[in-house]
């Protein structure tokens, strides 16, 4: 199955890999800005079927080749950061650099992820989606994310397919990249919001930045899990920080 993707702008390729919601649409605020001098590529993660991390990595490789590039800048957010790290380990040749936002190399809350896989496998999906929507304001958003962007989040995550979501949860459960990190030579900016209430972003980012040979840690004070929707975040400004990596 060939992934469908959208391109915006022109210039060096910049590929966004989304979190668990998987639509690829939540990069809209940053894409508009970056598309002035980059080819910004967004795409939905595989929506259906039981798939593995290797399948998602193969999708990234295919997209880079299909847009006519040899290398690209990747930004992985949350679950997408885990995918980007795994791809950088398996196929470093397609990477120019990578930005990792509120992500992890290994999900340390083992009881939480195991419970999540179990619940999604047993409970009605509509019930779980309703719970996720209801808790999003408290768990995912920091106060600087306005009403318009909160509504956009709800709209873009409304159609998250059940099978794809469970496959991603299983991938999180089964992936541990901690021992791989020291071998990944791709330049990396590792970003974490200090107000992330979904995962332990700061601790995970500190581990990643300390383990990768060419990495820099960037903390976003008061920013929550959905950092790229924040009115105080501009990815373009992060690119200059690679000069120090």
C-alpha atoms as a PDB file:
ATOM      1  CA  UNK A   1       0.000   0.000   0.000  1.00  0.00           C
ATOM      2  CA  UNK A   2       1.517   3.304  -1.131  1.00  0.00           C
ATOM      3  CA  UNK A   3       0.899   6.174   1.303  1.00  0.00           C
ATOM      4  CA  UNK A   4      -0.958   9.213   0.008  1.00  0.00           C
ATOM      5  CA  UNK A   5       0.645  12.518   0.885  1.00  0.00           C
ATOM      6  CA  UNK A   6       0.157  16.233   0.354  1.00  0.00           C
ATOM      7  CA  UNK A   7       2.795  18.742  -0.709  1.00  0.00           C
ATOM      8  CA  UNK A   8       2.847  22.469  -0.073  1.00  0.00           C
ATOM      9  CA  UNK A   9       5.451  25.009  -1.173  1.00  0.00           C
ATOM     10  CA  UNK A  10       8.796  24.415  -2.850  1.00  0.00           C
ATOM     11  CA  UNK A  11      12.369  23.914  -1.750  1.00  0.00           C
ATOM     12  CA  UNK A  12      14.131  21.311   0.393  1.00  0.00           C
ATOM     13  CA  UNK A  13      11.731  18.591   1.591  1.00  0.00           C
ATOM     14  CA  UNK A  14      10.376  18.860   5.134  1.00  0.00           C
ATOM     15  CA  UNK A  15       8.359  15.823   6.199  1.00  0.00           C
ATOM     16  CA  UNK A  16       5.981  15.843   9.150  1.00  0.00           C
ATOM     17  CA  UNK A  17       5.226  12.538  10.905  1.00  0.00           C
ATOM     18  CA  UNK A  18       2.158  12.804  13.095  1.00  0.00           C
ATOM     19  CA  UNK A  19       1.250  11.481  16.499  1.00  0.00           C
ATOM     20  CA  UNK A  20      -1.252   8.778  17.395  1.00  0.00           C
ATOM     21  CA  UNK A  21      -4.137  10.628  15.759  1.00  0.00           C
ATOM     22  CA  UNK A  22      -2.389   9.821  12.510  1.00  0.00           C
ATOM     23  CA  UNK A  23      -4.132  12.223  10.121  1.00  0.00           C
ATOM     24  CA  UNK A  24      -1.109  14.414   9.383  1.00  0.00           C
ATOM     25  CA  UNK A  25      -3.399  17.451   9.358  1.00  0.00           C
ATOM     26  CA  UNK A  26      -2.320  18.980  12.667  1.00  0.00           C
ATOM     27  CA  UNK A  27       0.798  20.551  11.169  1.00  0.00           C
ATOM     28  CA  UNK A  28      -1.244  23.268   9.462  1.00  0.00           C
ATOM     29  CA  UNK A  29       0.026  26.209  11.520  1.00  0.00           C
ATOM     30  CA  UNK A  30       3.674  25.368  10.949  1.00  0.00           C
ATOM     31  CA  UNK A  31       3.256  24.193   7.338  1.00  0.00           C
ATOM     32  CA  UNK A  32       2.029  27.587   6.136  1.00  0.00           C
ATOM     33  CA  UNK A  33       5.173  29.244   7.428  1.00  0.00           C
ATOM     34  CA  UNK A  34       7.670  26.593   6.310  1.00  0.00           C
ATOM     35  CA  UNK A  35       6.158  26.255   2.833  1.00  0.00           C
ATOM     36  CA  UNK A  36       7.585  29.666   1.916  1.00  0.00           C
ATOM     37  CA  UNK A  37      10.937  28.003   1.254  1.00  0.00           C
ATOM     38  CA  UNK A  38      10.427  24.253   1.833  1.00  0.00           C
ATOM     39  CA  UNK A  39       8.419  21.508   0.221  1.00  0.00           C
ATOM     40  CA  UNK A  40       6.302  20.551   3.217  1.00  0.00           C
ATOM     41  CA  UNK A  41       5.012  16.987   3.063  1.00  0.00           C
ATOM     42  CA  UNK A  42       2.234  15.724   5.321  1.00  0.00           C
ATOM     43  CA  UNK A  43       0.510  12.360   5.179  1.00  0.00           C
ATOM     44  CA  UNK A  44      -1.825  10.122   7.161  1.00  0.00           C
ATOM     45  CA  UNK A  45      -0.355   7.135   8.921  1.00  0.00           C
ATOM     46  CA  UNK A  46      -1.726   3.813   7.740  1.00  0.00           C
ATOM     47  CA  UNK A  47      -5.398   3.939   8.705  1.00  0.00           C
ATOM     48  CA  UNK A  48      -6.344   0.271   8.752  1.00  0.00           C
ATOM     49  CA  UNK A  49      -5.004  -3.207   9.317  1.00  0.00           C
ATOM     50  CA  UNK A  50      -2.493  -4.587  11.756  1.00  0.00           C
ATOM     51  CA  UNK A  51       0.918  -3.238  10.846  1.00  0.00           C
ATOM     52  CA  UNK A  52       4.365  -2.866  12.374  1.00  0.00           C
ATOM     53  CA  UNK A  53       7.034  -0.245  12.840  1.00  0.00           C
ATOM     54  CA  UNK A  54       8.836  -1.650   9.784  1.00  0.00           C
ATOM     55  CA  UNK A  55       5.779  -0.894   7.665  1.00  0.00           C
ATOM     56  CA  UNK A  56       5.738   2.732   8.795  1.00  0.00           C
ATOM     57  CA  UNK A  57       9.472   3.088   8.169  1.00  0.00           C
ATOM     58  CA  UNK A  58       9.016   1.727   4.658  1.00  0.00           C
ATOM     59  CA  UNK A  59       6.305   4.336   4.089  1.00  0.00           C
ATOM     60  CA  UNK A  60       8.754   7.111   4.999  1.00  0.00           C
ATOM     61  CA  UNK A  61      11.410   5.764   2.650  1.00  0.00           C
ATOM     62  CA  UNK A  62       8.871   5.534  -0.172  1.00  0.00           C
ATOM     63  CA  UNK A  63       7.653   9.103   0.369  1.00  0.00           C
ATOM     64  CA  UNK A  64      11.181  10.548   0.273  1.00  0.00           C
ATOM     65  CA  UNK A  65      11.876   8.748  -2.998  1.00  0.00           C
ATOM     66  CA  UNK A  66       8.496   9.639  -4.489  1.00  0.00           C
ATOM     67  CA  UNK A  67       8.923  13.371  -3.899  1.00  0.00           C
ATOM     68  CA  UNK A  68      12.182  13.091  -5.841  1.00  0.00           C
ATOM     69  CA  UNK A  69      14.546  13.651  -2.931  1.00  0.00           C
ATOM     70  CA  UNK A  70      17.495  11.768  -1.542  1.00  0.00           C
ATOM     71  CA  UNK A  71      17.355  13.301   1.926  1.00  0.00           C
ATOM     72  CA  UNK A  72      14.833  15.284   3.929  1.00  0.00           C
ATOM     73  CA  UNK A  73      14.312  17.079   7.195  1.00  0.00           C
ATOM     74  CA  UNK A  74      11.880  15.108   9.361  1.00  0.00           C
ATOM     75  CA  UNK A  75       9.780  16.356  12.225  1.00  0.00           C
ATOM     76  CA  UNK A  76       8.198  13.662  14.360  1.00  0.00           C
ATOM     77  CA  UNK A  77       5.638  14.587  16.993  1.00  0.00           C
ATOM     78  CA  UNK A  78       4.852  12.247  19.916  1.00  0.00           C
ATOM     79  CA  UNK A  79       4.311   8.794  18.364  1.00  0.00           C
ATOM     80  CA  UNK A  80       5.672  10.225  15.126  1.00  0.00           C
ATOM     81  CA  UNK A  81       8.940  10.985  16.904  1.00  0.00           C
ATOM     82  CA  UNK A  82       9.276   7.327  17.812  1.00  0.00           C
ATOM     83  CA  UNK A  83       8.780   6.436  14.139  1.00  0.00           C
ATOM     84  CA  UNK A  84      11.328   9.035  13.027  1.00  0.00           C
ATOM     85  CA  UNK A  85      13.903   7.722  15.502  1.00  0.00           C
ATOM     86  CA  UNK A  86      13.363   4.162  14.289  1.00  0.00           C
ATOM     87  CA  UNK A  87      13.696   5.281  10.667  1.00  0.00           C
ATOM     88  CA  UNK A  88      16.895   7.209  11.439  1.00  0.00           C
ATOM     89  CA  UNK A  89      18.333   4.019  12.898  1.00  0.00           C
ATOM     90  CA  UNK A  90      17.251   1.822   9.978  1.00  0.00           C
ATOM     91  CA  UNK A  91      17.738   4.253   7.068  1.00  0.00           C
ATOM     92  CA  UNK A  92      19.992   7.163   8.075  1.00  0.00           C
ATOM     93  CA  UNK A  93      20.720   7.911   4.416  1.00  0.00           C
ATOM     94  CA  UNK A  94      17.316   9.537   3.861  1.00  0.00           C
ATOM     95  CA  UNK A  95      17.876  12.066   6.674  1.00  0.00           C
ATOM     96  CA  UNK A  96      19.255  15.567   6.450  1.00  0.00           C
ATOM     97  CA  UNK A  97      18.266  16.264  10.064  1.00  0.00           C
ATOM     98  CA  UNK A  98      15.395  15.572  12.443  1.00  0.00           C
ATOM     99  CA  UNK A  99      13.270  17.411  14.976  1.00  0.00           C
ATOM    100  CA  UNK A 100      11.703  15.319  17.734  1.00  0.00           C
ATOM    101  CA  UNK A 101       8.814  16.901  19.632  1.00  0.00           C
ATOM    102  CA  UNK A 102       7.356  15.540  22.888  1.00  0.00           C
ATOM    103  CA  UNK A 103       8.386  11.999  22.137  1.00  0.00           C
ATOM    104  CA  UNK A 104      10.210   9.033  23.657  1.00  0.00           C
ATOM    105  CA  UNK A 105      12.500   6.118  22.670  1.00  0.00           C
ATOM    106  CA  UNK A 106      10.663   3.763  25.018  1.00  0.00           C
ATOM    107  CA  UNK A 107       7.310   4.247  26.718  1.00  0.00           C
ATOM    108  CA  UNK A 108       8.170   3.902  30.391  1.00  0.00           C
ATOM    109  CA  UNK A 109       4.573   3.830  31.653  1.00  0.00           C
ATOM    110  CA  UNK A 110       4.177   0.141  30.923  1.00  0.00           C
ATOM    111  CA  UNK A 111       0.948  -0.358  32.855  1.00  0.00           C
ATOM    112  CA  UNK A 112      -0.634   2.548  30.993  1.00  0.00           C
ATOM    113  CA  UNK A 113       0.260   1.317  27.503  1.00  0.00           C
ATOM    114  CA  UNK A 114      -0.708  -2.283  28.261  1.00  0.00           C
ATOM    115  CA  UNK A 115      -4.030  -1.100  29.648  1.00  0.00           C
ATOM    116  CA  UNK A 116      -4.560   1.054  26.568  1.00  0.00           C
ATOM    117  CA  UNK A 117      -4.045  -1.857  24.175  1.00  0.00           C
ATOM    118  CA  UNK A 118      -6.372  -4.019  26.255  1.00  0.00           C
ATOM    119  CA  UNK A 119      -9.119  -1.392  26.522  1.00  0.00           C
ATOM    120  CA  UNK A 120      -9.056  -0.532  22.830  1.00  0.00           C
ATOM    121  CA  UNK A 121      -9.313  -4.204  22.016  1.00  0.00           C
ATOM    122  CA  UNK A 122     -12.395  -4.745  24.204  1.00  0.00           C
ATOM    123  CA  UNK A 123     -14.419  -1.552  24.669  1.00  0.00           C
ATOM    124  CA  UNK A 124     -16.638   0.101  22.034  1.00  0.00           C
ATOM    125  CA  UNK A 125     -14.510   2.466  19.984  1.00  0.00           C
ATOM    126  CA  UNK A 126     -17.107   5.240  20.159  1.00  0.00           C
ATOM    127  CA  UNK A 127     -16.931   5.231  23.942  1.00  0.00           C
ATOM    128  CA  UNK A 128     -13.149   5.545  23.914  1.00  0.00           C
ATOM    129  CA  UNK A 129     -13.215   8.325  21.326  1.00  0.00           C
ATOM    130  CA  UNK A 130     -15.686  10.236  23.454  1.00  0.00           C
ATOM    131  CA  UNK A 131     -13.447   9.908  26.498  1.00  0.00           C
ATOM    132  CA  UNK A 132     -10.416  11.045  24.505  1.00  0.00           C
ATOM    133  CA  UNK A 133     -12.262  14.099  23.217  1.00  0.00           C
ATOM    134  CA  UNK A 134     -13.508  14.990  26.697  1.00  0.00           C
ATOM    135  CA  UNK A 135     -10.053  14.767  28.306  1.00  0.00           C
ATOM    136  CA  UNK A 136      -8.117  16.518  25.512  1.00  0.00           C
ATOM    137  CA  UNK A 137      -8.458  20.061  26.965  1.00  0.00           C
ATOM    138  CA  UNK A 138      -6.985  18.982  30.278  1.00  0.00           C
ATOM    139  CA  UNK A 139      -4.335  16.559  29.017  1.00  0.00           C
ATOM    140  CA  UNK A 140      -3.201  17.821  25.610  1.00  0.00           C
ATOM    141  CA  UNK A 141      -3.572  21.601  25.550  1.00  0.00           C
ATOM    142  CA  UNK A 142      -1.738  24.340  27.350  1.00  0.00           C
ATOM    143  CA  UNK A 143      -3.557  27.675  27.918  1.00  0.00           C
ATOM    144  CA  UNK A 144      -1.878  29.357  24.933  1.00  0.00           C
ATOM    145  CA  UNK A 145      -3.822  27.189  22.447  1.00  0.00           C
ATOM    146  CA  UNK A 146      -6.877  29.143  21.398  1.00  0.00           C
ATOM    147  CA  UNK A 147     -10.438  28.029  20.776  1.00  0.00           C
ATOM    148  CA  UNK A 148     -10.037  27.922  16.986  1.00  0.00           C
ATOM    149  CA  UNK A 149      -7.088  25.550  17.182  1.00  0.00           C
ATOM    150  CA  UNK A 150      -8.820  23.371  19.778  1.00  0.00           C
ATOM    151  CA  UNK A 151     -11.790  23.024  17.448  1.00  0.00           C
ATOM    152  CA  UNK A 152      -9.450  22.249  14.550  1.00  0.00           C
ATOM    153  CA  UNK A 153      -7.832  19.507  16.632  1.00  0.00           C
ATOM    154  CA  UNK A 154     -11.223  17.990  17.317  1.00  0.00           C
ATOM    155  CA  UNK A 155     -12.187  18.096  13.647  1.00  0.00           C
ATOM    156  CA  UNK A 156      -8.911  16.618  12.383  1.00  0.00           C
ATOM    157  CA  UNK A 157      -8.995  13.755  14.881  1.00  0.00           C
ATOM    158  CA  UNK A 158     -12.676  12.936  14.475  1.00  0.00           C
ATOM    159  CA  UNK A 159     -12.100  10.143  11.939  1.00  0.00           C
ATOM    160  CA  UNK A 160      -9.204   8.281  13.572  1.00  0.00           C
ATOM    161  CA  UNK A 161      -9.673   4.655  12.403  1.00  0.00           C
ATOM    162  CA  UNK A 162      -9.896   2.002  15.090  1.00  0.00           C
ATOM    163  CA  UNK A 163      -7.516  -0.555  13.548  1.00  0.00           C
ATOM    164  CA  UNK A 164      -4.828   1.997  12.851  1.00  0.00           C
ATOM    165  CA  UNK A 165      -4.991   3.410  16.357  1.00  0.00           C
ATOM    166  CA  UNK A 166      -4.639  -0.017  17.966  1.00  0.00           C
ATOM    167  CA  UNK A 167      -1.724  -0.893  15.671  1.00  0.00           C
ATOM    168  CA  UNK A 168       0.055   2.272  16.810  1.00  0.00           C
ATOM    169  CA  UNK A 169      -0.553   1.439  20.456  1.00  0.00           C
ATOM    170  CA  UNK A 170       0.941  -2.007  19.897  1.00  0.00           C
ATOM    171  CA  UNK A 171       3.970  -0.457  18.199  1.00  0.00           C
ATOM    172  CA  UNK A 172       4.516   1.804  21.218  1.00  0.00           C
ATOM    173  CA  UNK A 173       4.203  -1.199  23.523  1.00  0.00           C
ATOM    174  CA  UNK A 174       6.698  -3.274  21.530  1.00  0.00           C
ATOM    175  CA  UNK A 175       9.380  -0.666  20.678  1.00  0.00           C
ATOM    176  CA  UNK A 176      12.501   0.080  22.678  1.00  0.00           C
ATOM    177  CA  UNK A 177      15.134   2.210  20.911  1.00  0.00           C
ATOM    178  CA  UNK A 178      17.242   3.116  23.930  1.00  0.00           C
ATOM    179  CA  UNK A 179      20.226   0.968  22.984  1.00  0.00           C
ATOM    180  CA  UNK A 180      20.030   2.157  19.360  1.00  0.00           C
ATOM    181  CA  UNK A 181      20.291   5.858  20.181  1.00  0.00           C
ATOM    182  CA  UNK A 182      24.115   6.107  20.471  1.00  0.00           C
ATOM    183  CA  UNK A 183      24.508   4.716  16.945  1.00  0.00           C
ATOM    184  CA  UNK A 184      22.233   7.279  15.242  1.00  0.00           C
ATOM    185  CA  UNK A 185      24.387  10.006  13.706  1.00  0.00           C
ATOM    186  CA  UNK A 186      21.567  12.149  12.280  1.00  0.00           C
ATOM    187  CA  UNK A 187      21.647  15.741  13.625  1.00  0.00           C
ATOM    188  CA  UNK A 188      18.701  16.139  15.980  1.00  0.00           C
ATOM    189  CA  UNK A 189      16.891  18.886  17.819  1.00  0.00           C
ATOM    190  CA  UNK A 190      15.015  17.272  20.715  1.00  0.00           C
ATOM    191  CA  UNK A 191      12.115  19.421  21.904  1.00  0.00           C
ATOM    192  CA  UNK A 192       9.941  18.989  24.986  1.00  0.00           C
ATOM    193  CA  UNK A 193       7.181  21.045  26.548  1.00  0.00           C
ATOM    194  CA  UNK A 194       7.578  21.455  30.290  1.00  0.00           C
ATOM    195  CA  UNK A 195       3.778  21.433  30.748  1.00  0.00           C
ATOM    196  CA  UNK A 196       3.192  18.156  28.894  1.00  0.00           C
ATOM    197  CA  UNK A 197       0.609  16.232  30.931  1.00  0.00           C
ATOM    198  CA  UNK A 198       0.311  13.248  28.605  1.00  0.00           C
ATOM    199  CA  UNK A 199       3.829  11.827  28.711  1.00  0.00           C
ATOM    200  CA  UNK A 200       7.048  12.501  30.590  1.00  0.00           C
ATOM    201  CA  UNK A 201       8.439  14.571  27.736  1.00  0.00           C
ATOM    202  CA  UNK A 202      11.238  16.388  29.527  1.00  0.00           C
ATOM    203  CA  UNK A 203      12.764  13.233  30.979  1.00  0.00           C
ATOM    204  CA  UNK A 204      12.476  11.362  27.684  1.00  0.00           C
ATOM    205  CA  UNK A 205      13.910  14.286  25.713  1.00  0.00           C
ATOM    206  CA  UNK A 206      16.831  14.586  28.111  1.00  0.00           C
ATOM    207  CA  UNK A 207      17.602  10.893  27.649  1.00  0.00           C
ATOM    208  CA  UNK A 208      17.393  11.141  23.857  1.00  0.00           C
ATOM    209  CA  UNK A 209      19.564  14.266  23.659  1.00  0.00           C
ATOM    210  CA  UNK A 210      22.174  12.769  25.988  1.00  0.00           C
ATOM    211  CA  UNK A 211      22.293   9.499  24.034  1.00  0.00           C
ATOM    212  CA  UNK A 212      22.338  10.727  20.438  1.00  0.00           C
ATOM    213  CA  UNK A 213      25.854  11.710  19.296  1.00  0.00           C
ATOM    214  CA  UNK A 214      24.650  14.861  17.486  1.00  0.00           C
ATOM    215  CA  UNK A 215      21.736  16.330  19.392  1.00  0.00           C
ATOM    216  CA  UNK A 216      20.595  19.455  21.175  1.00  0.00           C
ATOM    217  CA  UNK A 217      17.900  19.689  23.838  1.00  0.00           C
ATOM    218  CA  UNK A 218      15.295  22.451  23.680  1.00  0.00           C
ATOM    219  CA  UNK A 219      12.729  22.941  26.446  1.00  0.00           C
ATOM    220  CA  UNK A 220       9.541  24.906  25.829  1.00  0.00           C
ATOM    221  CA  UNK A 221       8.506  26.512  29.097  1.00  0.00           C
ATOM    222  CA  UNK A 222       4.805  26.189  29.845  1.00  0.00           C
ATOM    223  CA  UNK A 223       4.023  24.397  26.583  1.00  0.00           C
ATOM    224  CA  UNK A 224       1.914  21.217  26.615  1.00  0.00           C
ATOM    225  CA  UNK A 225       1.772  18.069  24.532  1.00  0.00           C
ATOM    226  CA  UNK A 226       0.250  19.622  21.403  1.00  0.00           C
ATOM    227  CA  UNK A 227       3.158  22.038  21.132  1.00  0.00           C
ATOM    228  CA  UNK A 228       2.853  22.664  17.397  1.00  0.00           C
ATOM    229  CA  UNK A 229      -0.564  24.274  17.896  1.00  0.00           C
ATOM    230  CA  UNK A 230       0.802  26.755  20.408  1.00  0.00           C
ATOM    231  CA  UNK A 231       0.762  30.419  19.456  1.00  0.00           C
ATOM    232  CA  UNK A 232       4.257  30.661  20.975  1.00  0.00           C
ATOM    233  CA  UNK A 233       5.839  27.976  18.802  1.00  0.00           C
ATOM    234  CA  UNK A 234       7.368  28.600  15.385  1.00  0.00           C
ATOM    235  CA  UNK A 235       9.284  25.635  13.929  1.00  0.00           C
ATOM    236  CA  UNK A 236      11.036  27.866  11.416  1.00  0.00           C
ATOM    237  CA  UNK A 237      12.921  29.521  14.271  1.00  0.00           C
ATOM    238  CA  UNK A 238      14.189  26.139  15.437  1.00  0.00           C
ATOM    239  CA  UNK A 239      16.038  25.438  12.194  1.00  0.00           C
ATOM    240  CA  UNK A 240      18.828  27.884  12.963  1.00  0.00           C
ATOM    241  CA  UNK A 241      19.712  25.842  16.054  1.00  0.00           C
ATOM    242  CA  UNK A 242      21.157  23.091  13.889  1.00  0.00           C
ATOM    243  CA  UNK A 243      24.172  25.319  13.313  1.00  0.00           C
ATOM    244  CA  UNK A 244      25.312  24.321  16.821  1.00  0.00           C
ATOM    245  CA  UNK A 245      24.780  20.574  16.387  1.00  0.00           C
END
